[in-house]
Amino acid sequence: MITNAGTSLDSAVRMRTALLFLLLAVIFIILFLTDLMTGAVKIPASEIIGLLSGASQDKVWKTILFDFRLPKAITAVLAGSALSVSGLQMQTVFRNPLAGPDVLGVSAGASLGVALVILGFGDFFIIHNLSYLGNWTLILSAWAGAGLVLLLITFISLRVRDIMTILILGILFGSATSAFVSILQYFSQQSVLKAFVIWSMGSLGNLTYDQLRVLATGIVVGFLLTLLTIKILNALLLGENYSRSLGVNIKQARFLVFLSTSILSGSITAFCGPIAFVGIAVPHVARLLFRTANHFILIPASLLLGSVLMLMADVISQIPGSGLLLPVNSVTAILGIPVVIWVIIYNRRLVSIS
C-alpha cells in the first residue's frame, strides 16, 4: 500500500511538472508571436505565420519582420534564458536567495569590460558600427569583466562564511566598477558617450544578424557548461562537506559554474546592456511553480520562464498602440522588484534556497 501510494504520488508530481512545462511552452509561443506583431506598424497574426512559413511575400512586412522584429524577439529569448540560468547557478553556489548577476556585481563587471572597449577606444568600437571582429572583442571584454568580479567574490567567500557579508561585498564591487565606468564616461568624447549611455539603458532591438550569431554562440557555450554542472548544483544544495563526501571537487565545480555564469551574463550584457532583476526573480518563480530544488527541472524551467518574462517585458516596453519605446531595463525592474521584495520579506533563512 505504501509503495503504491508513493508511486501514485510520484506520478502526480511528474504529471503536474509536465503540464506546467506544456503551459509555459504555450505561453511562450503566444508571447513570441505577440512580440512579432507589436510595434509602430501592426502586423496581423495570420500574416506573421504566413511570412514565417513563406506563404506570404509582402515586401514591407517581410522587411519589418525579418530585419527588425525577429532578431529582437530571438534576442529577448536568449537574454531571458541566459540571465535566469546564471542567476539560478549563483543562488545555489552562494546559498543566497538574493544572489544574481546584477546584485553581486557580475553585470557591473561585464559593463566595465564593455566600457573599456567603447569608451577607451573611441570611434573604433561604437556599437552600431562593430565589425565581426569587433563583436568578439566586445563579448570577450564582457566575459573578462564578469569573470574578474566573480573571482574576487570567490576569493572572499573562501575566507568569509557569512553570506550577507558576501552579498554586501558583491554590491560594493559593483559600485566600485560603476564608479570607474563613470570616470571613463567623464573623460570620453561626446559621440561614444552617447552610444554608451543608450547601451546602458538596455535594448533588445539593436542587434544585426552577425551580432546575433556571435551572441547565440556565446549563449550555447554557456548552456553546454551549465549542463555539466547540474549534478554538482544538486549536491551543493546539501552543503560543501556533503558534496565532498560524494566525490565532488569543490574548486573545479565553482570554476565551471563561474565560467558558465560569466559567459552567459557577460554575453547578454555586452550586446543588450545591463538588464536587472531577471537573474534574481526568475529562479524563485521557478521554485514556487514547480515546488522542487532539483536542477534537472529548475534549469529548463528557469530557461523557459526567463524567456517568457523577457518577451513580456519587450511587448510592454513598446507600449502597444502608442509608438513609444521604453528602456527594457526599466520594465524588467518593474516586473522583478516585487519578487525580490517577496523574497526579502518571506524568506527568513537566507542560507536555505530550497
Protein backbone atom coordinates (compact mmCIF):
# COMPACT_ATOMS: atom_id res chain seq x y z
CA MET A 1 0.00 0.00 0.00
CA ILE A 2 2.79 2.42 0.93
CA THR A 3 4.65 1.59 -2.29
CA ASN A 4 1.52 2.10 -4.38
CA ALA A 5 0.81 5.41 -2.63
CA GLY A 6 4.38 6.58 -3.24
CA THR A 7 4.24 5.57 -6.88
CA SER A 8 0.92 7.37 -7.31
CA LEU A 9 2.35 10.50 -5.69
CA ASP A 10 5.42 10.42 -7.96
CA SER A 11 3.19 10.03 -11.00
CA ALA A 12 1.07 13.00 -9.90
CA VAL A 13 4.19 15.15 -9.44
CA ARG A 14 5.54 14.16 -12.86
CA MET A 15 2.16 14.88 -14.44
CA ARG A 16 1.98 18.29 -12.76
CA THR A 17 5.52 19.11 -13.89
CA ALA A 18 4.78 18.07 -17.47
CA LEU A 19 1.57 20.15 -17.53
CA LEU A 20 3.44 23.20 -16.21
CA PHE A 21 6.09 22.87 -18.91
CA LEU A 22 3.37 22.47 -21.54
CA LEU A 23 1.53 25.56 -20.24
CA LEU A 24 4.75 27.61 -20.23
CA ALA A 25 5.53 26.45 -23.76
CA VAL A 26 2.10 27.61 -24.96
CA ILE A 27 2.53 30.99 -23.20
CA PHE A 28 6.00 31.28 -24.76
CA ILE A 29 4.65 30.71 -28.29
CA ILE A 30 1.81 33.22 -27.75
CA LEU A 31 4.17 35.90 -26.40
CA PHE A 32 6.70 35.26 -29.17
CA LEU A 33 4.03 35.82 -31.84
CA THR A 34 2.69 38.84 -29.91
CA ASP A 35 6.18 40.33 -29.83
CA LEU A 36 6.46 39.89 -33.60
CA MET A 37 3.06 41.56 -34.08
CA THR A 38 3.69 44.51 -31.75
CA GLY A 39 5.29 47.73 -32.91
CA ALA A 40 4.69 51.01 -34.70
CA VAL A 41 3.26 49.01 -37.61
CA LYS A 42 0.83 46.30 -36.52
CA ILE A 43 1.15 43.06 -38.47
CA PRO A 44 -1.78 40.60 -38.14
CA ALA A 45 -1.05 37.17 -36.65
CA SER A 46 -2.14 35.46 -39.87
CA GLU A 47 0.43 37.49 -41.83
CA ILE A 48 3.14 36.71 -39.27
CA ILE A 49 2.51 32.99 -39.68
CA GLY A 50 2.33 33.41 -43.46
CA LEU A 51 5.64 35.28 -43.58
CA LEU A 52 7.37 32.74 -41.34
CA SER A 53 6.07 29.82 -43.39
CA GLY A 54 6.79 31.52 -46.73
CA ALA A 55 3.13 31.66 -47.76
CA SER A 56 3.13 35.49 -47.71
CA GLN A 57 5.61 37.65 -49.64
CA ASP A 58 4.57 41.21 -48.68
CA LYS A 59 7.88 43.09 -49.03
CA VAL A 60 7.23 45.80 -46.42
CA TRP A 61 6.01 43.43 -43.72
CA LYS A 62 8.74 40.96 -44.64
CA THR A 63 11.41 43.62 -44.11
CA ILE A 64 9.91 44.71 -40.78
CA LEU A 65 9.59 41.13 -39.56
CA PHE A 66 12.91 39.62 -40.60
CA ASP A 67 15.18 42.67 -40.32
CA PHE A 68 13.86 44.10 -37.05
CA ARG A 69 11.29 42.14 -35.06
CA LEU A 70 12.51 38.57 -35.41
CA PRO A 71 16.10 39.38 -34.31
CA LYS A 72 14.68 41.37 -31.38
CA ALA A 73 12.41 38.51 -30.28
CA ILE A 74 15.24 35.98 -30.54
CA THR A 75 17.46 38.32 -28.52
CA ALA A 76 14.75 38.53 -25.84
CA VAL A 77 14.64 34.73 -25.60
CA LEU A 78 18.43 34.46 -25.35
CA ALA A 79 18.64 37.25 -22.76
CA GLY A 80 15.88 35.96 -20.52
CA SER A 81 17.06 32.36 -20.55
CA ALA A 82 20.76 33.19 -20.04
CA LEU A 83 20.24 35.65 -17.17
CA SER A 84 17.78 33.33 -15.41
CA VAL A 85 20.05 30.29 -15.58
CA SER A 86 23.09 32.28 -14.43
CA GLY A 87 21.07 33.66 -11.51
CA LEU A 88 19.97 30.15 -10.52
CA GLN A 89 23.55 28.92 -10.54
CA MET A 90 24.77 31.80 -8.38
CA GLN A 91 21.96 31.40 -5.84
CA THR A 92 22.87 27.73 -5.46
CA VAL A 93 26.63 28.17 -5.22
CA PHE A 94 26.43 31.06 -2.74
CA ARG A 95 23.37 29.55 -0.99
CA ASN A 96 21.88 33.01 -1.10
CA PRO A 97 18.36 33.78 -2.40
CA LEU A 98 19.38 37.34 -3.31
CA ALA A 99 22.39 36.35 -5.40
CA GLY A 100 22.25 37.30 -9.05
CA PRO A 101 24.41 38.74 -11.84
CA ASP A 102 23.33 42.32 -11.15
CA VAL A 103 23.28 42.21 -7.32
CA LEU A 104 26.69 40.53 -6.91
CA GLY A 105 28.31 42.95 -9.34
CA VAL A 106 28.80 40.46 -12.20
CA SER A 107 26.80 42.58 -14.65
CA ALA A 108 28.69 45.66 -13.46
CA GLY A 109 31.97 43.85 -14.15
CA ALA A 110 30.77 42.98 -17.65
CA SER A 111 29.73 46.62 -18.11
CA LEU A 112 33.23 47.70 -17.13
CA GLY A 113 34.71 45.44 -19.80
CA VAL A 114 32.37 46.89 -22.40
CA ALA A 115 33.08 50.45 -21.21
CA LEU A 116 36.82 49.92 -21.60
CA VAL A 117 36.26 48.88 -25.21
CA ILE A 118 33.68 51.50 -26.21
CA LEU A 119 34.86 54.48 -24.16
CA GLY A 120 38.53 53.59 -24.10
CA PHE A 121 38.93 53.01 -27.84
CA GLY A 122 36.56 55.70 -29.04
CA ASP A 123 35.10 55.58 -32.51
CA PHE A 124 36.66 52.21 -33.34
CA PHE A 125 34.05 50.34 -31.33
CA ILE A 126 30.83 52.30 -31.48
CA ILE A 127 28.13 49.68 -31.05
CA HIS A 128 26.27 50.40 -34.26
CA ASN A 129 29.41 50.10 -36.40
CA LEU A 130 31.00 46.98 -34.94
CA SER A 131 32.65 44.60 -37.37
CA TYR A 132 32.55 40.84 -36.80
CA LEU A 133 35.94 41.01 -35.06
CA GLY A 134 34.64 43.95 -33.03
CA ASN A 135 31.68 41.84 -31.89
CA TRP A 136 34.03 39.25 -30.43
CA THR A 137 36.16 41.99 -28.86
CA LEU A 138 33.06 43.34 -27.14
CA ILE A 139 31.85 39.97 -25.87
CA LEU A 140 35.31 38.82 -24.73
CA SER A 141 35.78 42.03 -22.76
CA ALA A 142 32.40 41.49 -21.08
CA TRP A 143 33.34 37.90 -20.18
CA ALA A 144 36.64 39.11 -18.71
CA GLY A 145 34.95 41.81 -16.62
CA ALA A 146 32.29 39.44 -15.29
CA GLY A 147 34.87 36.74 -14.57
CA LEU A 148 37.09 39.18 -12.68
CA VAL A 149 34.28 40.16 -10.31
CA LEU A 150 33.32 36.51 -9.78
CA LEU A 151 36.93 35.65 -8.96
CA LEU A 152 37.04 38.42 -6.37
CA ILE A 153 33.77 37.23 -4.81
CA THR A 154 35.03 33.63 -4.80
CA PHE A 155 38.26 34.69 -3.11
CA ILE A 156 36.26 36.48 -0.42
CA SER A 157 33.79 33.59 0.01
CA LEU A 158 36.66 31.19 0.79
CA ARG A 159 37.54 33.29 3.82
CA VAL A 160 34.21 34.80 4.83
CA ARG A 161 31.39 32.36 5.57
CA ASP A 162 28.67 34.90 6.32
CA ILE A 163 26.51 35.11 3.21
CA MET A 164 25.21 38.60 3.99
CA THR A 165 28.79 39.86 4.14
CA ILE A 166 29.49 38.28 0.75
CA LEU A 167 26.32 39.88 -0.63
CA ILE A 168 27.32 43.32 0.68
CA LEU A 169 30.84 42.94 -0.71
CA GLY A 170 29.37 41.96 -4.09
CA ILE A 171 27.29 45.13 -4.07
CA LEU A 172 30.41 47.14 -3.16
CA PHE A 173 32.37 45.56 -6.02
CA GLY A 174 29.52 46.51 -8.34
CA SER A 175 29.56 50.07 -7.04
CA ALA A 176 33.33 50.30 -7.46
CA THR A 177 33.20 49.15 -11.08
CA SER A 178 30.29 51.53 -11.74
CA ALA A 179 32.38 54.38 -10.30
CA PHE A 180 35.25 53.51 -12.63
CA VAL A 181 32.83 53.46 -15.58
CA SER A 182 31.61 56.92 -14.55
CA ILE A 183 35.20 58.20 -14.64
CA LEU A 184 35.60 56.79 -18.15
CA GLN A 185 32.38 58.49 -19.18
CA TYR A 186 33.57 61.83 -17.80
CA PHE A 187 36.70 61.80 -19.97
CA SER A 188 35.07 60.34 -23.10
CA GLN A 189 34.17 62.01 -26.37
CA GLN A 190 30.56 63.01 -26.88
CA SER A 191 29.98 60.63 -29.83
CA VAL A 192 30.99 57.46 -27.98
CA LEU A 193 29.44 58.68 -24.72
CA LYS A 194 26.01 58.90 -26.32
CA ALA A 195 26.34 55.36 -27.70
CA PHE A 196 27.37 54.05 -24.28
CA VAL A 197 24.53 55.80 -22.43
CA ILE A 198 21.97 54.35 -24.85
CA TRP A 199 23.57 50.91 -24.42
CA SER A 200 23.43 51.21 -20.61
CA MET A 201 19.63 51.65 -20.72
CA GLY A 202 19.25 48.15 -22.08
CA SER A 203 17.92 47.29 -25.51
CA LEU A 204 16.95 44.15 -27.40
CA GLY A 205 16.44 45.69 -30.81
CA ASN A 206 19.85 46.93 -31.96
CA LEU A 207 21.43 43.63 -32.97
CA THR A 208 22.30 42.68 -36.53
CA TYR A 209 22.30 39.05 -37.63
CA ASP A 210 26.12 38.99 -37.37
CA GLN A 211 25.93 40.19 -33.77
CA LEU A 212 23.09 37.77 -33.07
CA ARG A 213 25.21 34.86 -34.30
CA VAL A 214 28.05 35.87 -32.00
CA LEU A 215 25.65 36.26 -29.07
CA ALA A 216 23.98 32.90 -29.77
CA THR A 217 27.38 31.20 -29.94
CA GLY A 218 28.30 32.54 -26.51
CA ILE A 219 24.96 31.53 -25.00
CA VAL A 220 25.17 27.98 -26.42
CA VAL A 221 28.67 27.57 -24.94
CA GLY A 222 27.39 28.83 -21.59
CA PHE A 223 24.43 26.44 -21.64
CA LEU A 224 26.67 23.48 -22.52
CA LEU A 225 28.82 24.28 -19.48
CA THR A 226 25.65 24.57 -17.40
CA LEU A 227 24.61 21.04 -18.37
CA LEU A 228 27.90 19.79 -16.90
CA THR A 229 27.07 21.39 -13.54
CA ILE A 230 23.54 20.04 -12.93
CA LYS A 231 24.60 17.15 -10.67
CA ILE A 232 27.14 19.39 -8.96
CA LEU A 233 24.48 22.03 -8.21
CA ASN A 234 22.16 19.39 -6.74
CA ALA A 235 24.98 18.18 -4.49
CA LEU A 236 25.87 21.73 -3.39
CA LEU A 237 22.30 22.21 -2.13
CA LEU A 238 23.20 19.94 0.80
CA GLY A 239 26.40 21.78 1.63
CA GLU A 240 30.03 21.61 0.55
CA ASN A 241 31.01 18.96 3.12
CA TYR A 242 28.31 16.60 1.87
CA SER A 243 29.34 17.35 -1.72
CA ARG A 244 32.94 16.42 -0.93
CA SER A 245 31.73 13.13 0.57
CA LEU A 246 30.11 12.41 -2.80
CA GLY A 247 33.41 12.99 -4.57
CA VAL A 248 32.69 16.50 -5.87
CA ASN A 249 35.77 18.64 -6.45
CA ILE A 250 34.55 21.95 -4.99
CA LYS A 251 37.19 24.12 -6.66
CA GLN A 252 36.54 22.56 -10.04
CA ALA A 253 32.78 22.82 -9.51
CA ARG A 254 33.00 26.53 -8.68
CA PHE A 255 35.22 27.14 -11.68
CA LEU A 256 32.70 25.51 -14.04
CA VAL A 257 29.75 27.39 -12.55
CA PHE A 258 31.54 30.73 -12.56
CA LEU A 259 32.81 30.21 -16.10
CA SER A 260 29.29 29.41 -17.27
CA THR A 261 27.83 32.38 -15.38
CA SER A 262 30.46 34.77 -16.73
CA ILE A 263 29.82 33.66 -20.32
CA LEU A 264 26.01 33.81 -20.00
CA SER A 265 25.67 37.12 -18.16
CA GLY A 266 28.66 38.71 -19.91
CA SER A 267 27.33 37.86 -23.37
CA ILE A 268 23.94 39.43 -22.68
CA THR A 269 25.43 42.50 -21.01
CA ALA A 270 27.78 43.04 -23.97
CA PHE A 271 25.02 43.29 -26.57
CA CYS A 272 21.87 44.18 -24.62
CA GLY A 273 23.20 46.33 -21.79
CA PRO A 274 22.87 45.67 -18.05
CA ILE A 275 19.41 44.09 -17.66
CA ALA A 276 18.48 43.95 -13.97
CA PHE A 277 16.39 41.68 -11.71
CA VAL A 278 15.73 38.88 -14.22
CA GLY A 279 18.51 36.71 -12.79
CA ILE A 280 17.23 37.16 -9.22
CA ALA A 281 13.49 36.89 -9.74
CA VAL A 282 13.02 34.08 -12.25
CA PRO A 283 14.68 31.24 -10.25
CA HIS A 284 12.36 31.97 -7.31
CA VAL A 285 9.31 31.89 -9.57
CA ALA A 286 10.54 28.56 -10.95
CA ARG A 287 10.90 27.09 -7.46
CA LEU A 288 7.48 28.41 -6.47
CA LEU A 289 5.72 26.95 -9.52
CA PHE A 290 7.49 23.59 -9.72
CA ARG A 291 7.94 23.07 -5.94
CA THR A 292 11.34 21.48 -6.30
CA ALA A 293 15.02 22.16 -5.75
CA ASN A 294 16.11 19.63 -8.39
CA HIS A 295 18.20 21.41 -11.00
CA PHE A 296 17.27 18.85 -13.66
CA ILE A 297 13.86 20.58 -13.51
CA LEU A 298 14.83 24.08 -12.34
CA ILE A 299 17.32 24.79 -15.15
CA PRO A 300 14.88 24.16 -18.05
CA ALA A 301 12.11 25.81 -16.01
CA SER A 302 14.23 28.94 -15.42
CA LEU A 303 15.24 28.95 -19.07
CA LEU A 304 11.61 28.89 -20.22
CA LEU A 305 10.33 31.31 -17.56
CA GLY A 306 13.15 33.76 -18.30
CA SER A 307 12.27 33.72 -21.99
CA VAL A 308 8.61 34.34 -21.17
CA LEU A 309 9.49 37.24 -18.85
CA MET A 310 11.77 38.95 -21.37
CA LEU A 311 9.24 38.57 -24.20
CA MET A 312 6.60 40.08 -21.90
CA ALA A 313 8.96 42.92 -20.99
CA ASP A 314 9.69 43.57 -24.65
CA VAL A 315 5.97 43.73 -25.50
CA ILE A 316 5.31 46.09 -22.57
CA SER A 317 8.32 48.28 -23.42
CA GLN A 318 6.83 49.04 -26.82
CA ILE A 319 3.60 50.42 -25.27
CA PRO A 320 1.36 48.86 -27.93
CA GLY A 321 -0.55 51.46 -29.94
CA SER A 322 1.50 54.46 -28.79
CA GLY A 323 4.59 54.24 -30.99
CA LEU A 324 6.80 54.87 -27.93
CA LEU A 325 9.64 52.61 -26.77
CA LEU A 326 10.73 52.29 -23.13
CA PRO A 327 14.16 51.06 -21.99
CA VAL A 328 13.77 47.34 -21.40
CA ASN A 329 15.86 47.63 -18.20
CA SER A 330 13.12 49.78 -16.64
CA VAL A 331 10.42 47.25 -17.50
CA THR A 332 12.36 44.27 -16.09
CA ALA A 333 12.94 46.24 -12.89
CA ILE A 334 9.19 46.89 -12.53
CA LEU A 335 8.45 43.20 -13.11
CA GLY A 336 11.30 41.84 -10.97
CA ILE A 337 11.33 44.13 -7.92
CA PRO A 338 8.06 42.75 -6.42
CA VAL A 339 9.56 39.24 -6.50
CA VAL A 340 12.74 40.44 -4.76
CA ILE A 341 10.66 42.22 -2.09
CA TRP A 342 8.71 38.99 -1.57
CA VAL A 343 11.97 37.06 -1.11
CA ILE A 344 13.27 39.55 1.47
CA ILE A 345 10.03 39.60 3.48
CA TYR A 346 9.07 35.93 3.47
CA ASN A 347 12.39 34.09 3.15
CA ARG A 348 13.69 34.27 6.71
CA ARG A 349 16.52 31.79 6.28
CA LEU A 350 18.76 33.38 3.69
CA VAL A 351 21.14 30.44 3.73
CA SER A 352 18.44 28.00 2.56
CA ILE A 353 17.23 28.48 -1.00
CA SER A 354 15.26 25.32 -1.38
